[in-house]
Amino acid sequence: MSIKTICIYGAGALGGAIAAKLANRVGNDATVSVVARGAHLEAIRSRGLSLREADAETPLDVHLTATDDPGTLPPQDLVITGLKGHQLPPAAEGIASLLKDSTRVVMILNGIPWWYFHRDTRSGHAELQFDELDPNSRLWRLIGPERVIGCVAYQGAEVINPGEIRLSNKGRFVLGEPSGEMSPNLEAIGALMTSAGLSITTTPDIRDEIWSKLMGNAAFNPISALTRAVMTDIMADPALSAMVGKVMNEVRAVGEALGARFTMTIEQRLEHSRHVGAVRTSMLQDLIGGKALEITPLIGMLVALGHLTAAPIPVSETILALVTQLDRENRRGS
C-alpha cells in the first residue's frame, strides 16, 4: 500500500495529536491534511498545530493544510477519523468525498462501532446493523465497512487552547481488520504510524480489544459525568467504585455472550484503575464544554446488546437513563 496522502478527519484532541506526529514524520514523502472546525481550525490555519507530549520539555509544532470543507481536498490514500461515534453519521458524506477505490479508513472509536458485526464470525450476528449507531445506514453505504480498519486508543488527550493539544500519557493504539486478517494494508498503516512515534499494535482480534476498553469506558465515562469526579475520586469512593465493578461485570457478560474473550479479571481492572491518576474522562470534558455526550456507543449499545443477548444489565440500564437526561439538560442550558 502506497500512502502519499493522509487526511485526519476530526483533528480535535486525539486526531490532532496523530496529525501532528504524522506531519512531523512524513515530511516531503507524503501530504498530511486535517478537517477541523471553529476556533481550533482558525488557530491551526494561522499558527499551526502545537502538540505537548507527556514529559516533553518543548512542544511539537507543525504546519499543515487545514479545512472545514473536505471537498476542497483531493482523494486520499488514508483517512483517519478522530470523530466520536455520534459525530460520524453527519460526516459520512464528507468522509466519502475523500475516498478512492483503494482508500482505507482508520476509525478511532470508543465503545461499539457501527461496523462491529461486519465479517464477525463469533457472535452469530454477522452483518447486523444498528440504526442508533448508523442512522439510515449512511456510513455503511457511503464509506463501507470493508474499508475500515478498527482502532482502539489508550491515549489521554485534551485541547487546552485552540490549536494546542496536550497528551497526559505515552499512550498506545491497537489496529485490526474487522475480518481478523493480518492484511498488507494493516501492516503498512501500522508501520507508518509507528514510524511517526506512535505506539502501535496490530491484532487479529480487534473486537476483544474493543470490549476490553469498553469495560472501563462504560463505567467511568457516565459515572464521571454524573458526579463530575475524576477517576481517582471515583475509585476512592467505596459506593462509586462498587458501581464501577458492577458495570464492568455487565460489560463482561454481554461481551462473552457475543464471543469476546477477556484477558483481565474485574479485580485486575479495578486495581489498574486505581493507578490511572486524576484523569477527566472524555465524557466529563464534553459535559464541562457543553457538548453532546457520547452516550450511545459507550452505554447505549451495551444496553441494546444486553437485550439482544439476554444478558442481565440492570445497573447499566439505570446509568443510561440518568446520563441521557443529564445530556438533555446540559445541552438545553448551554
C-alpha atoms as a PDB file:
ATOM      1  CA  MET A   1       0.000   0.000   0.000  1.00  0.00           C
ATOM      2  CA  SER A   2       1.447   3.353  -1.069  1.00  0.00           C
ATOM      3  CA  ILE A   3       0.468   6.138   1.335  1.00  0.00           C
ATOM      4  CA  LYS A   4       1.159   9.555  -0.126  1.00  0.00           C
ATOM      5  CA  THR A   5      -1.931  11.475   1.011  1.00  0.00           C
ATOM      6  CA  ILE A   6      -3.294  11.307   4.559  1.00  0.00           C
ATOM      7  CA  CYS A   7      -6.271  13.173   5.999  1.00  0.00           C
ATOM      8  CA  ILE A   8      -7.185  13.261   9.665  1.00  0.00           C
ATOM      9  CA  TYR A   9     -10.917  13.921   9.703  1.00  0.00           C
ATOM     10  CA  GLY A  10     -11.741  15.419  13.077  1.00  0.00           C
ATOM     11  CA  ALA A  11      -8.481  16.900  14.346  1.00  0.00           C
ATOM     12  CA  GLY A  12      -9.545  17.533  17.918  1.00  0.00           C
ATOM     13  CA  ALA A  13      -7.524  16.249  20.842  1.00  0.00           C
ATOM     14  CA  LEU A  14      -6.681  12.738  19.681  1.00  0.00           C
ATOM     15  CA  GLY A  15      -6.967  13.301  15.934  1.00  0.00           C
ATOM     16  CA  GLY A  16      -4.902  16.461  16.165  1.00  0.00           C
ATOM     17  CA  ALA A  17      -2.173  14.686  18.126  1.00  0.00           C
ATOM     18  CA  ILE A  18      -1.922  11.991  15.448  1.00  0.00           C
ATOM     19  CA  ALA A  19      -1.918  14.626  12.699  1.00  0.00           C
ATOM     20  CA  ALA A  20       0.948  16.495  14.340  1.00  0.00           C
ATOM     21  CA  LYS A  21       3.070  13.379  14.758  1.00  0.00           C
ATOM     22  CA  LEU A  22       2.397  12.176  11.210  1.00  0.00           C
ATOM     23  CA  ALA A  23       3.117  15.597   9.699  1.00  0.00           C
ATOM     24  CA  ASN A  24       6.364  15.762  11.647  1.00  0.00           C
ATOM     25  CA  ARG A  25       7.341  12.306  10.366  1.00  0.00           C
ATOM     26  CA  VAL A  26       6.412  12.163   6.696  1.00  0.00           C
ATOM     27  CA  GLY A  27       7.991  15.451   5.565  1.00  0.00           C
ATOM     28  CA  ASN A  28       8.187  15.513   1.786  1.00  0.00           C
ATOM     29  CA  ASP A  29       7.230  11.829   1.468  1.00  0.00           C
ATOM     30  CA  ALA A  30       3.505  12.434   1.935  1.00  0.00           C
ATOM     31  CA  THR A  31       0.946  15.163   2.468  1.00  0.00           C
ATOM     32  CA  VAL A  32      -0.969  15.401   5.745  1.00  0.00           C
ATOM     33  CA  SER A  33      -4.162  17.450   5.978  1.00  0.00           C
ATOM     34  CA  VAL A  34      -6.818  17.882   8.643  1.00  0.00           C
ATOM     35  CA  VAL A  35     -10.527  18.562   8.722  1.00  0.00           C
ATOM     36  CA  ALA A  36     -11.427  20.654  11.760  1.00  0.00           C
ATOM     37  CA  ARG A  37     -13.779  23.479  12.670  1.00  0.00           C
ATOM     38  CA  GLY A  38     -14.285  26.639  14.675  1.00  0.00           C
ATOM     39  CA  ALA A  39     -11.584  28.402  16.647  1.00  0.00           C
ATOM     40  CA  HIS A  40      -9.428  25.266  16.602  1.00  0.00           C
ATOM     41  CA  LEU A  41      -9.393  25.310  12.803  1.00  0.00           C
ATOM     42  CA  GLU A  42      -8.587  29.015  12.629  1.00  0.00           C
ATOM     43  CA  ALA A  43      -5.700  28.578  15.053  1.00  0.00           C
ATOM     44  CA  ILE A  44      -4.262  25.687  13.028  1.00  0.00           C
ATOM     45  CA  ARG A  45      -4.523  27.783   9.860  1.00  0.00           C
ATOM     46  CA  SER A  46      -2.885  30.849  11.347  1.00  0.00           C
ATOM     47  CA  ARG A  47      -0.313  29.429  13.778  1.00  0.00           C
ATOM     48  CA  GLY A  48      -0.094  25.715  13.049  1.00  0.00           C
ATOM     49  CA  LEU A  49      -0.760  22.801  15.364  1.00  0.00           C
ATOM     50  CA  SER A  50       1.111  22.528  18.661  1.00  0.00           C
ATOM     51  CA  LEU A  51       1.385  19.219  20.483  1.00  0.00           C
ATOM     52  CA  ARG A  52       2.599  18.999  24.086  1.00  0.00           C
ATOM     53  CA  GLU A  53       3.536  15.399  24.729  1.00  0.00           C
ATOM     54  CA  ALA A  54       3.692  13.880  28.190  1.00  0.00           C
ATOM     55  CA  ASP A  55       7.055  14.622  29.824  1.00  0.00           C
ATOM     56  CA  ALA A  56       8.342  16.556  26.771  1.00  0.00           C
ATOM     57  CA  GLU A  57      10.161  19.796  27.556  1.00  0.00           C
ATOM     58  CA  THR A  58       9.172  21.579  24.343  1.00  0.00           C
ATOM     59  CA  PRO A  59       6.066  21.302  22.168  1.00  0.00           C
ATOM     60  CA  LEU A  60       5.999  19.776  18.699  1.00  0.00           C
ATOM     61  CA  ASP A  61       4.856  22.480  16.259  1.00  0.00           C
ATOM     62  CA  VAL A  62       3.762  21.646  12.715  1.00  0.00           C
ATOM     63  CA  HIS A  63       2.109  23.436   9.826  1.00  0.00           C
ATOM     64  CA  LEU A  64      -0.306  21.550   7.591  1.00  0.00           C
ATOM     65  CA  THR A  65      -3.323  22.045   5.348  1.00  0.00           C
ATOM     66  CA  ALA A  66      -6.470  22.584   7.424  1.00  0.00           C
ATOM     67  CA  THR A  67     -10.047  22.988   6.236  1.00  0.00           C
ATOM     68  CA  ASP A  68     -13.660  22.582   7.303  1.00  0.00           C
ATOM     69  CA  ASP A  69     -14.648  21.577   3.755  1.00  0.00           C
ATOM     70  CA  PRO A  70     -13.322  18.124   2.794  1.00  0.00           C
ATOM     71  CA  GLY A  71     -14.497  18.767  -0.755  1.00  0.00           C
ATOM     72  CA  THR A  72     -11.503  21.070  -1.208  1.00  0.00           C
ATOM     73  CA  LEU A  73      -9.087  18.170  -0.653  1.00  0.00           C
ATOM     74  CA  PRO A  74      -8.110  15.554  -3.257  1.00  0.00           C
ATOM     75  CA  PRO A  75      -8.939  11.867  -2.799  1.00  0.00           C
ATOM     76  CA  GLN A  76      -6.732  10.342  -0.101  1.00  0.00           C
ATOM     77  CA  ASP A  77      -4.767   7.131   0.303  1.00  0.00           C
ATOM     78  CA  LEU A  78      -5.514   7.032   4.017  1.00  0.00           C
ATOM     79  CA  VAL A  79      -8.203   8.694   6.132  1.00  0.00           C
ATOM     80  CA  ILE A  80      -8.010   8.599   9.934  1.00  0.00           C
ATOM     81  CA  THR A  81     -11.117   9.709  11.788  1.00  0.00           C
ATOM     82  CA  GLY A  82     -10.865  11.413  15.162  1.00  0.00           C
ATOM     83  CA  LEU A  83     -14.619  11.900  15.493  1.00  0.00           C
ATOM     84  CA  LYS A  84     -16.698  10.354  18.253  1.00  0.00           C
ATOM     85  CA  GLY A  85     -19.381   7.841  17.419  1.00  0.00           C
ATOM     86  CA  HIS A  86     -22.276  10.310  17.462  1.00  0.00           C
ATOM     87  CA  GLN A  87     -20.335  12.734  15.254  1.00  0.00           C
ATOM     88  CA  LEU A  88     -19.664  10.220  12.465  1.00  0.00           C
ATOM     89  CA  PRO A  89     -23.049   9.880  10.695  1.00  0.00           C
ATOM     90  CA  PRO A  90     -23.331  13.623   9.900  1.00  0.00           C
ATOM     91  CA  ALA A  91     -19.800  13.451   8.486  1.00  0.00           C
ATOM     92  CA  ALA A  92     -20.454  10.454   6.207  1.00  0.00           C
ATOM     93  CA  GLU A  93     -20.721  12.480   3.004  1.00  0.00           C
ATOM     94  CA  GLY A  94     -17.609  14.482   3.822  1.00  0.00           C
ATOM     95  CA  ILE A  95     -15.554  11.386   4.520  1.00  0.00           C
ATOM     96  CA  ALA A  96     -16.904   9.710   1.370  1.00  0.00           C
ATOM     97  CA  SER A  97     -15.711  12.663  -0.718  1.00  0.00           C
ATOM     98  CA  LEU A  98     -12.123  11.790   0.222  1.00  0.00           C
ATOM     99  CA  LEU A  99     -12.301   8.176  -0.911  1.00  0.00           C
ATOM    100  CA  LYS A 100     -10.956   6.445  -3.982  1.00  0.00           C
ATOM    101  CA  ASP A 101     -11.143   2.734  -4.712  1.00  0.00           C
ATOM    102  CA  SER A 102      -8.083   1.837  -2.638  1.00  0.00           C
ATOM    103  CA  THR A 103      -8.571   4.221   0.320  1.00  0.00           C
ATOM    104  CA  ARG A 104      -8.558   2.698   3.788  1.00  0.00           C
ATOM    105  CA  VAL A 105     -10.214   4.422   6.743  1.00  0.00           C
ATOM    106  CA  VAL A 106      -8.815   4.020  10.255  1.00  0.00           C
ATOM    107  CA  MET A 107     -11.637   4.720  12.685  1.00  0.00           C
ATOM    108  CA  ILE A 108     -10.557   5.563  16.216  1.00  0.00           C
ATOM    109  CA  LEU A 109     -13.675   4.967  18.266  1.00  0.00           C
ATOM    110  CA  ASN A 110     -14.668   4.289  21.843  1.00  0.00           C
ATOM    111  CA  GLY A 111     -17.370   1.758  22.516  1.00  0.00           C
ATOM    112  CA  ILE A 112     -19.211  -0.363  19.978  1.00  0.00           C
ATOM    113  CA  PRO A 113     -18.510   0.899  16.433  1.00  0.00           C
ATOM    114  CA  TRP A 114     -21.058   0.987  13.605  1.00  0.00           C
ATOM    115  CA  TRP A 115     -19.132  -1.679  11.669  1.00  0.00           C
ATOM    116  CA  TYR A 116     -18.863  -4.093  14.631  1.00  0.00           C
ATOM    117  CA  PHE A 117     -20.696  -7.072  13.114  1.00  0.00           C
ATOM    118  CA  HIS A 118     -19.109  -6.844   9.651  1.00  0.00           C
ATOM    119  CA  ARG A 119     -17.439 -10.195   8.919  1.00  0.00           C
ATOM    120  CA  ASP A 120     -17.883 -11.191  12.564  1.00  0.00           C
ATOM    121  CA  THR A 121     -17.563 -14.956  12.932  1.00  0.00           C
ATOM    122  CA  ARG A 122     -18.121 -15.353  16.693  1.00  0.00           C
ATOM    123  CA  SER A 123     -21.389 -13.695  17.645  1.00  0.00           C
ATOM    124  CA  GLY A 124     -23.850 -15.329  15.274  1.00  0.00           C
ATOM    125  CA  HIS A 125     -24.959 -11.844  14.162  1.00  0.00           C
ATOM    126  CA  ALA A 126     -22.690 -11.200  11.173  1.00  0.00           C
ATOM    127  CA  GLU A 127     -23.563  -8.013   9.216  1.00  0.00           C
ATOM    128  CA  LEU A 128     -26.102  -6.875  11.814  1.00  0.00           C
ATOM    129  CA  GLN A 129     -26.577  -3.097  11.726  1.00  0.00           C
ATOM    130  CA  PHE A 130     -27.903  -0.727  14.390  1.00  0.00           C
ATOM    131  CA  ASP A 131     -29.752   2.423  13.413  1.00  0.00           C
ATOM    132  CA  GLU A 132     -28.674   4.009  16.712  1.00  0.00           C
ATOM    133  CA  LEU A 133     -25.050   3.941  15.531  1.00  0.00           C
ATOM    134  CA  ASP A 134     -25.617   4.491  11.821  1.00  0.00           C
ATOM    135  CA  PRO A 135     -28.988   6.121  11.023  1.00  0.00           C
ATOM    136  CA  ASN A 136     -30.303   5.010   7.628  1.00  0.00           C
ATOM    137  CA  SER A 137     -27.044   3.073   7.119  1.00  0.00           C
ATOM    138  CA  ARG A 138     -25.293   6.217   5.857  1.00  0.00           C
ATOM    139  CA  LEU A 139     -21.843   5.096   6.994  1.00  0.00           C
ATOM    140  CA  TRP A 140     -22.397   1.549   5.759  1.00  0.00           C
ATOM    141  CA  ARG A 141     -23.471   2.796   2.300  1.00  0.00           C
ATOM    142  CA  LEU A 142     -21.214   5.801   1.755  1.00  0.00           C
ATOM    143  CA  ILE A 143     -17.979   4.603   3.370  1.00  0.00           C
ATOM    144  CA  GLY A 144     -18.457   0.849   3.603  1.00  0.00           C
ATOM    145  CA  PRO A 145     -17.336  -1.431   6.445  1.00  0.00           C
ATOM    146  CA  GLU A 146     -14.932  -3.178   4.054  1.00  0.00           C
ATOM    147  CA  ARG A 147     -12.739  -0.031   4.031  1.00  0.00           C
ATOM    148  CA  VAL A 148     -12.485   0.181   7.807  1.00  0.00           C
ATOM    149  CA  ILE A 149      -9.524  -0.648   9.974  1.00  0.00           C
ATOM    150  CA  GLY A 150     -10.637  -0.596  13.594  1.00  0.00           C
ATOM    151  CA  CYS A 151      -8.585   1.307  16.133  1.00  0.00           C
ATOM    152  CA  VAL A 152      -8.753   1.276  19.920  1.00  0.00           C
ATOM    153  CA  ALA A 153      -6.835   4.127  21.525  1.00  0.00           C
ATOM    154  CA  TYR A 154      -5.362   4.227  25.011  1.00  0.00           C
ATOM    155  CA  GLN A 155      -4.260   7.838  24.911  1.00  0.00           C
ATOM    156  CA  GLY A 156      -5.289  10.696  27.150  1.00  0.00           C
ATOM    157  CA  ALA A 157      -5.519  13.915  25.134  1.00  0.00           C
ATOM    158  CA  GLU A 158      -7.111  17.326  25.564  1.00  0.00           C
ATOM    159  CA  VAL A 159      -7.351  20.542  23.551  1.00  0.00           C
ATOM    160  CA  ILE A 160      -6.048  23.071  26.082  1.00  0.00           C
ATOM    161  CA  ASN A 161      -6.341  26.078  23.748  1.00  0.00           C
ATOM    162  CA  PRO A 162      -7.349  26.383  20.096  1.00  0.00           C
ATOM    163  CA  GLY A 163      -4.538  24.818  18.095  1.00  0.00           C
ATOM    164  CA  GLU A 164      -2.845  23.402  21.215  1.00  0.00           C
ATOM    165  CA  ILE A 165      -3.135  19.784  22.339  1.00  0.00           C
ATOM    166  CA  ARG A 166      -1.743  18.139  25.449  1.00  0.00           C
ATOM    167  CA  LEU A 167      -1.194  14.410  25.959  1.00  0.00           C
ATOM    168  CA  SER A 168      -1.439  13.076  29.507  1.00  0.00           C
ATOM    169  CA  ASN A 169       0.420   9.796  28.921  1.00  0.00           C
ATOM    170  CA  LYS A 170       2.609   7.994  26.412  1.00  0.00           C
ATOM    171  CA  GLY A 171      -0.371   6.091  25.066  1.00  0.00           C
ATOM    172  CA  ARG A 172      -0.809   3.233  22.653  1.00  0.00           C
ATOM    173  CA  PHE A 173      -3.072   2.234  19.778  1.00  0.00           C
ATOM    174  CA  VAL A 174      -4.361  -1.174  18.655  1.00  0.00           C
ATOM    175  CA  LEU A 175      -5.305  -1.667  14.988  1.00  0.00           C
ATOM    176  CA  GLY A 176      -7.230  -4.546  13.438  1.00  0.00           C
ATOM    177  CA  GLU A 177      -9.240  -5.585  10.398  1.00  0.00           C
ATOM    178  CA  PRO A 178     -12.903  -6.445  11.104  1.00  0.00           C
ATOM    179  CA  SER A 179     -12.250  -9.745   9.264  1.00  0.00           C
ATOM    180  CA  GLY A 180      -9.371 -10.635  11.571  1.00  0.00           C
ATOM    181  CA  GLU A 181      -6.947 -10.776   8.643  1.00  0.00           C
ATOM    182  CA  MET A 182      -3.400  -9.544   9.195  1.00  0.00           C
ATOM    183  CA  SER A 183      -3.551  -7.815   5.833  1.00  0.00           C
ATOM    184  CA  PRO A 184      -0.773  -5.973   3.970  1.00  0.00           C
ATOM    185  CA  ASN A 185      -2.796  -2.749   4.338  1.00  0.00           C
ATOM    186  CA  LEU A 186      -2.983  -3.233   8.103  1.00  0.00           C
ATOM    187  CA  GLU A 187       0.756  -3.822   8.343  1.00  0.00           C
ATOM    188  CA  ALA A 188       1.574  -0.828   6.111  1.00  0.00           C
ATOM    189  CA  ILE A 189      -0.598   1.553   8.123  1.00  0.00           C
ATOM    190  CA  GLY A 190       0.747   0.196  11.394  1.00  0.00           C
ATOM    191  CA  ALA A 191       4.314   0.690  10.161  1.00  0.00           C
ATOM    192  CA  LEU A 192       3.599   4.271   9.060  1.00  0.00           C
ATOM    193  CA  MET A 193       2.068   5.214  12.403  1.00  0.00           C
ATOM    194  CA  THR A 194       4.903   3.504  14.276  1.00  0.00           C
ATOM    195  CA  SER A 195       7.449   5.472  12.285  1.00  0.00           C
ATOM    196  CA  ALA A 196       5.664   8.663  13.423  1.00  0.00           C
ATOM    197  CA  GLY A 197       6.440   7.801  17.041  1.00  0.00           C
ATOM    198  CA  LEU A 198       3.062   6.269  17.913  1.00  0.00           C
ATOM    199  CA  SER A 199       2.966   3.024  19.887  1.00  0.00           C
ATOM    200  CA  ILE A 200       1.087   0.653  17.563  1.00  0.00           C
ATOM    201  CA  THR A 201      -0.006  -2.956  17.949  1.00  0.00           C
ATOM    202  CA  THR A 202      -1.838  -4.886  15.231  1.00  0.00           C
ATOM    203  CA  THR A 203      -4.183  -7.697  16.177  1.00  0.00           C
ATOM    204  CA  PRO A 204      -6.400 -10.351  14.575  1.00  0.00           C
ATOM    205  CA  ASP A 205      -8.864  -9.870  17.462  1.00  0.00           C
ATOM    206  CA  ILE A 206      -9.865  -6.209  17.398  1.00  0.00           C
ATOM    207  CA  ARG A 207     -13.285  -6.967  18.915  1.00  0.00           C
ATOM    208  CA  ASP A 208     -11.644  -8.376  22.051  1.00  0.00           C
ATOM    209  CA  GLU A 209      -9.756  -5.085  22.353  1.00  0.00           C
ATOM    210  CA  ILE A 210     -12.982  -3.120  21.870  1.00  0.00           C
ATOM    211  CA  TRP A 211     -14.650  -4.966  24.743  1.00  0.00           C
ATOM    212  CA  SER A 212     -11.590  -4.673  26.956  1.00  0.00           C
ATOM    213  CA  LYS A 213     -11.609  -0.896  26.655  1.00  0.00           C
ATOM    214  CA  LEU A 214     -15.392  -0.698  26.886  1.00  0.00           C
ATOM    215  CA  MET A 215     -15.156  -2.315  30.309  1.00  0.00           C
ATOM    216  CA  GLY A 216     -13.622   0.922  31.548  1.00  0.00           C
ATOM    217  CA  ASN A 217     -15.402   3.403  29.278  1.00  0.00           C
ATOM    218  CA  ALA A 218     -18.928   2.156  30.005  1.00  0.00           C
ATOM    219  CA  ALA A 219     -18.304   2.549  33.719  1.00  0.00           C
ATOM    220  CA  PHE A 220     -16.088   5.609  34.140  1.00  0.00           C
ATOM    221  CA  ASN A 221     -17.402   7.909  31.423  1.00  0.00           C
ATOM    222  CA  PRO A 222     -21.043   8.146  32.512  1.00  0.00           C
ATOM    223  CA  ILE A 223     -20.281   7.926  36.237  1.00  0.00           C
ATOM    224  CA  SER A 224     -17.743  10.743  35.918  1.00  0.00           C
ATOM    225  CA  ALA A 225     -20.263  12.879  34.039  1.00  0.00           C
ATOM    226  CA  LEU A 226     -22.981  12.228  36.606  1.00  0.00           C
ATOM    227  CA  THR A 227     -20.695  13.007  39.558  1.00  0.00           C
ATOM    228  CA  ARG A 228     -18.214  15.484  37.969  1.00  0.00           C
ATOM    229  CA  ALA A 229     -15.496  13.337  39.560  1.00  0.00           C
ATOM    230  CA  VAL A 230     -12.091  12.427  38.130  1.00  0.00           C
ATOM    231  CA  MET A 231     -11.056   8.780  38.129  1.00  0.00           C
ATOM    232  CA  THR A 232      -9.040   8.898  41.355  1.00  0.00           C
ATOM    233  CA  ASP A 233     -12.025  10.327  43.221  1.00  0.00           C
ATOM    234  CA  ILE A 234     -14.380   7.721  41.791  1.00  0.00           C
ATOM    235  CA  MET A 235     -12.095   4.890  42.869  1.00  0.00           C
ATOM    236  CA  ALA A 236     -11.589   6.445  46.326  1.00  0.00           C
ATOM    237  CA  ASP A 237     -15.350   6.367  46.974  1.00  0.00           C
ATOM    238  CA  PRO A 238     -16.461   2.861  48.069  1.00  0.00           C
ATOM    239  CA  ALA A 239     -20.002   3.231  46.669  1.00  0.00           C
ATOM    240  CA  LEU A 240     -18.836   4.568  43.313  1.00  0.00           C
ATOM    241  CA  SER A 241     -16.035   2.036  42.920  1.00  0.00           C
ATOM    242  CA  ALA A 242     -18.531  -0.734  43.696  1.00  0.00           C
ATOM    243  CA  MET A 243     -20.792   0.632  40.957  1.00  0.00           C
ATOM    244  CA  VAL A 244     -17.848   0.636  38.553  1.00  0.00           C
ATOM    245  CA  GLY A 245     -17.300  -3.037  39.328  1.00  0.00           C
ATOM    246  CA  LYS A 246     -20.970  -3.862  38.671  1.00  0.00           C
ATOM    247  CA  VAL A 247     -20.892  -2.162  35.262  1.00  0.00           C
ATOM    248  CA  MET A 248     -17.664  -3.971  34.388  1.00  0.00           C
ATOM    249  CA  ASN A 249     -19.317  -7.280  35.247  1.00  0.00           C
ATOM    250  CA  GLU A 250     -22.234  -6.424  32.961  1.00  0.00           C
ATOM    251  CA  VAL A 251     -19.860  -5.491  30.123  1.00  0.00           C
ATOM    252  CA  ARG A 252     -18.102  -8.808  30.523  1.00  0.00           C
ATOM    253  CA  ALA A 253     -21.385 -10.742  30.475  1.00  0.00           C
ATOM    254  CA  VAL A 254     -22.582  -9.074  27.273  1.00  0.00           C
ATOM    255  CA  GLY A 255     -19.195  -9.330  25.574  1.00  0.00           C
ATOM    256  CA  GLU A 256     -18.808 -13.023  26.365  1.00  0.00           C
ATOM    257  CA  ALA A 257     -22.325 -13.663  25.064  1.00  0.00           C
ATOM    258  CA  LEU A 258     -21.118 -12.260  21.729  1.00  0.00           C
ATOM    259  CA  GLY A 259     -17.927 -14.308  21.686  1.00  0.00           C
ATOM    260  CA  ALA A 260     -15.478 -11.792  23.162  1.00  0.00           C
ATOM    261  CA  ARG A 261     -12.547 -13.007  25.236  1.00  0.00           C
ATOM    262  CA  PHE A 262     -11.249 -11.055  28.230  1.00  0.00           C
ATOM    263  CA  THR A 263      -7.685 -11.420  29.460  1.00  0.00           C
ATOM    264  CA  MET A 264      -8.072  -9.483  32.740  1.00  0.00           C
ATOM    265  CA  THR A 265     -10.370 -10.165  35.663  1.00  0.00           C
ATOM    266  CA  ILE A 266     -12.681  -7.482  37.045  1.00  0.00           C
ATOM    267  CA  GLU A 267     -10.476  -7.268  40.132  1.00  0.00           C
ATOM    268  CA  GLN A 268      -7.397  -6.664  37.985  1.00  0.00           C
ATOM    269  CA  ARG A 269      -9.184  -3.920  36.020  1.00  0.00           C
ATOM    270  CA  LEU A 270     -10.297  -2.217  39.208  1.00  0.00           C
ATOM    271  CA  GLU A 271      -6.789  -2.372  40.642  1.00  0.00           C
ATOM    272  CA  HIS A 272      -5.377  -0.915  37.431  1.00  0.00           C
ATOM    273  CA  SER A 273      -7.960   1.886  37.531  1.00  0.00           C
ATOM    274  CA  ARG A 274      -6.789   2.944  40.974  1.00  0.00           C
ATOM    275  CA  HIS A 275      -3.440   3.960  39.474  1.00  0.00           C
ATOM    276  CA  VAL A 276      -4.582   5.859  36.369  1.00  0.00           C
ATOM    277  CA  GLY A 277      -4.490   9.233  38.108  1.00  0.00           C
ATOM    278  CA  ALA A 278      -6.709  12.302  38.292  1.00  0.00           C
ATOM    279  CA  VAL A 279      -7.978  11.877  34.728  1.00  0.00           C
ATOM    280  CA  ARG A 280     -11.054  13.666  33.415  1.00  0.00           C
ATOM    281  CA  THR A 281     -12.845  11.276  31.091  1.00  0.00           C
ATOM    282  CA  SER A 282     -13.791  12.413  27.603  1.00  0.00           C
ATOM    283  CA  MET A 283     -17.456  12.479  28.620  1.00  0.00           C
ATOM    284  CA  LEU A 284     -16.710  14.732  31.573  1.00  0.00           C
ATOM    285  CA  GLN A 285     -14.692  17.018  29.298  1.00  0.00           C
ATOM    286  CA  ASP A 286     -17.634  17.228  26.894  1.00  0.00           C
ATOM    287  CA  LEU A 287     -20.063  17.878  29.736  1.00  0.00           C
ATOM    288  CA  ILE A 288     -17.969  20.771  31.039  1.00  0.00           C
ATOM    289  CA  GLY A 289     -17.673  22.108  27.498  1.00  0.00           C
ATOM    290  CA  GLY A 290     -21.429  21.996  26.948  1.00  0.00           C
ATOM    291  CA  LYS A 291     -21.068  19.440  24.136  1.00  0.00           C
ATOM    292  CA  ALA A 292     -23.257  16.465  23.289  1.00  0.00           C
ATOM    293  CA  LEU A 293     -22.210  13.404  25.259  1.00  0.00           C
ATOM    294  CA  GLU A 294     -21.002  10.208  23.602  1.00  0.00           C
ATOM    295  CA  ILE A 295     -23.686   8.029  25.133  1.00  0.00           C
ATOM    296  CA  THR A 296     -24.843   5.549  22.502  1.00  0.00           C
ATOM    297  CA  PRO A 297     -21.554   3.753  21.671  1.00  0.00           C
ATOM    298  CA  LEU A 298     -20.455   3.545  25.308  1.00  0.00           C
ATOM    299  CA  ILE A 299     -23.525   2.723  27.357  1.00  0.00           C
ATOM    300  CA  GLY A 300     -26.492   2.749  24.960  1.00  0.00           C
ATOM    301  CA  MET A 301     -25.116  -0.109  22.878  1.00  0.00           C
ATOM    302  CA  LEU A 302     -24.159  -2.056  25.979  1.00  0.00           C
ATOM    303  CA  VAL A 303     -27.820  -1.964  26.945  1.00  0.00           C
ATOM    304  CA  ALA A 304     -29.001  -2.748  23.392  1.00  0.00           C
ATOM    305  CA  LEU A 305     -26.642  -5.718  23.112  1.00  0.00           C
ATOM    306  CA  GLY A 306     -27.636  -6.841  26.584  1.00  0.00           C
ATOM    307  CA  HIS A 307     -31.204  -7.044  25.347  1.00  0.00           C
ATOM    308  CA  LEU A 308     -30.048  -8.851  22.192  1.00  0.00           C
ATOM    309  CA  THR A 309     -28.160 -11.495  24.173  1.00  0.00           C
ATOM    310  CA  ALA A 310     -30.477 -11.615  27.220  1.00  0.00           C
ATOM    311  CA  ALA A 311     -27.523 -10.770  29.458  1.00  0.00           C
ATOM    312  CA  PRO A 312     -28.504  -9.010  32.715  1.00  0.00           C
ATOM    313  CA  ILE A 313     -27.681  -5.275  32.681  1.00  0.00           C
ATOM    314  CA  PRO A 314     -29.725  -3.589  35.457  1.00  0.00           C
ATOM    315  CA  VAL A 315     -27.038  -1.125  36.598  1.00  0.00           C
ATOM    316  CA  SER A 316     -26.171  -0.093  33.046  1.00  0.00           C
ATOM    317  CA  GLU A 317     -29.850   0.478  32.254  1.00  0.00           C
ATOM    318  CA  THR A 318     -30.139   2.826  35.217  1.00  0.00           C
ATOM    319  CA  ILE A 319     -26.967   4.715  34.345  1.00  0.00           C
ATOM    320  CA  LEU A 320     -28.130   5.064  30.732  1.00  0.00           C
ATOM    321  CA  ALA A 321     -31.398   6.662  31.832  1.00  0.00           C
ATOM    322  CA  LEU A 322     -29.610   9.089  34.152  1.00  0.00           C
ATOM    323  CA  VAL A 323     -26.864  10.171  31.773  1.00  0.00           C
ATOM    324  CA  THR A 324     -29.333  10.583  28.893  1.00  0.00           C
ATOM    325  CA  GLN A 325     -31.340  13.049  30.958  1.00  0.00           C
ATOM    326  CA  LEU A 326     -28.136  14.783  32.045  1.00  0.00           C
ATOM    327  CA  ASP A 327     -27.185  15.228  28.383  1.00  0.00           C
ATOM    328  CA  ARG A 328     -30.572  16.776  27.578  1.00  0.00           C
ATOM    329  CA  GLU A 329     -30.366  19.239  30.430  1.00  0.00           C
ATOM    330  CA  ASN A 330     -26.736  20.090  29.731  1.00  0.00           C
ATOM    331  CA  ARG A 331     -27.396  20.943  26.088  1.00  0.00           C
ATOM    332  CA  ARG A 332     -30.545  22.847  26.983  1.00  0.00           C
ATOM    333  CA  GLY A 333     -28.546  25.063  29.319  1.00  0.00           C
ATOM    334  CA  SER A 334     -25.556  25.593  27.033  1.00  0.00           C
END
